[in-house]
Amino acid sequence: MRTLVALLLCGAACELLAAGAKDYPIQPVPFTAVRVEDAFWSPRFETNRQRTVRYDFEKCEETRRIDNFAKAGKLMAGEFRGTPFDDSDVFKVIEGAA
């Protein structure tokens, strides 16, 4: 019975969403179809790609932040070293690279 109710609710929600989409003039674009080619953003993206990302990863290795992941995964002996938020710094660098 619960499954039937859930399916009916999902069907109704889909119909409402489809009806509303016809009235909304803006449609999503796949991110692969987006190109940024201008004098302001393009050079900044290129600097980030060529210099900043590489530098950030080098700093993560230099400060041994990457080693903490190897230690946590038992791939390297030793104790955690650094501050408690060091792992989030690595995640931020990965996010920036993406």
Protein backbone atom coordinates (compact mmCIF):
# COMPACT_ATOMS: atom_id res chain seq x y z
CA MET A 1 0.00 0.00 0.00
CA ARG A 2 2.81 2.44 0.91
CA THR A 3 4.55 1.70 -2.37
CA LEU A 4 1.39 2.47 -4.32
CA VAL A 5 0.92 5.78 -2.50
CA ALA A 6 4.58 6.70 -3.08
CA LEU A 7 4.29 5.90 -6.80
CA LEU A 8 1.11 7.98 -7.12
CA LEU A 9 2.74 10.93 -5.35
CA CYS A 10 5.85 10.67 -7.55
CA GLY A 11 3.71 10.55 -10.67
CA ALA A 12 1.74 13.63 -9.59
CA ALA A 13 4.93 15.51 -8.75
CA CYS A 14 6.43 14.66 -12.15
CA GLU A 15 3.32 15.96 -13.92
CA LEU A 16 3.48 19.22 -11.96
CA LEU A 17 7.15 19.65 -12.73
CA ALA A 18 6.62 18.97 -16.43
CA ALA A 19 3.74 21.44 -16.59
CA GLY A 20 5.78 24.11 -14.81
CA ALA A 21 8.76 23.59 -17.11
CA LYS A 22 6.72 24.77 -20.09
CA ASP A 23 6.14 28.12 -18.43
CA TYR A 24 9.74 28.69 -17.41
CA PRO A 25 11.73 30.37 -20.21
CA ILE A 26 15.20 29.36 -19.00
CA GLN A 27 16.41 25.83 -19.72
CA PRO A 28 19.53 24.16 -18.29
CA VAL A 29 22.60 23.76 -20.45
CA PRO A 30 25.00 20.82 -20.07
CA PHE A 31 28.24 22.02 -18.49
CA THR A 32 30.17 20.50 -21.39
CA ALA A 33 28.43 22.98 -23.71
CA VAL A 34 29.67 26.02 -21.78
CA ARG A 35 32.66 27.93 -23.14
CA VAL A 36 34.26 30.93 -21.45
CA GLU A 37 36.18 32.90 -24.03
CA ASP A 38 36.64 36.50 -22.98
CA ALA A 39 39.41 38.89 -22.03
CA PHE A 40 38.59 38.91 -18.32
CA TRP A 41 37.95 35.30 -17.22
CA SER A 42 39.94 33.28 -19.75
CA PRO A 43 43.40 34.47 -18.61
CA ARG A 44 42.46 33.87 -14.97
CA PHE A 45 41.26 30.32 -15.70
CA GLU A 46 44.48 29.65 -17.58
CA THR A 47 46.65 30.96 -14.72
CA ASN A 48 44.70 28.79 -12.29
CA ARG A 49 45.10 25.73 -14.54
CA GLN A 50 48.80 26.18 -15.26
CA ARG A 51 50.16 27.64 -12.03
CA THR A 52 47.85 27.79 -9.03
CA VAL A 53 46.62 24.18 -8.99
CA ARG A 54 50.13 22.76 -9.40
CA TYR A 55 51.47 25.07 -6.67
CA ASP A 56 48.66 24.11 -4.28
CA PHE A 57 49.34 20.38 -4.71
CA GLU A 58 53.07 20.97 -4.20
CA LYS A 59 52.32 22.82 -0.95
CA CYS A 60 50.10 19.97 0.25
CA GLU A 61 52.96 17.55 -0.28
CA GLU A 62 55.59 19.91 1.15
CA THR A 63 53.59 20.37 4.36
CA ARG A 64 53.00 16.59 4.59
CA ARG A 65 49.21 16.95 4.40
CA ILE A 66 49.09 14.15 1.80
CA ASP A 67 51.08 11.87 4.12
CA ASN A 68 48.26 12.02 6.67
CA PHE A 69 45.97 10.26 4.18
CA ALA A 70 48.57 7.54 3.60
CA LYS A 71 48.91 7.13 7.37
CA ALA A 72 45.14 6.93 7.84
CA GLY A 73 44.96 4.25 5.13
CA LYS A 74 47.78 2.28 6.76
CA LEU A 75 49.95 2.81 3.67
CA MET A 76 52.52 4.72 5.71
CA ALA A 77 53.67 4.32 9.30
CA GLY A 78 53.41 7.18 11.75
CA GLU A 79 51.00 9.41 13.57
CA PHE A 80 48.86 12.22 12.24
CA ARG A 81 50.88 15.39 11.89
CA GLY A 82 49.61 18.96 11.60
CA THR A 83 46.38 20.69 12.50
CA PRO A 84 42.95 19.02 12.60
CA PHE A 85 41.75 20.83 9.45
CA ASP A 86 44.70 19.81 7.26
CA ASP A 87 42.59 17.21 5.47
CA SER A 88 40.00 19.82 4.50
CA ASP A 89 42.79 21.89 2.94
CA VAL A 90 43.60 18.97 0.64
CA PHE A 91 39.92 18.59 -0.23
CA LYS A 92 39.74 22.31 -1.08
CA VAL A 93 42.74 21.97 -3.40
CA ILE A 94 41.11 19.01 -5.15
CA GLU A 95 37.87 20.96 -5.45
CA GLY A 96 39.75 23.93 -6.92
CA ALA A 97 41.48 21.68 -9.43
CA ALA A 98 38.14 20.22 -10.50
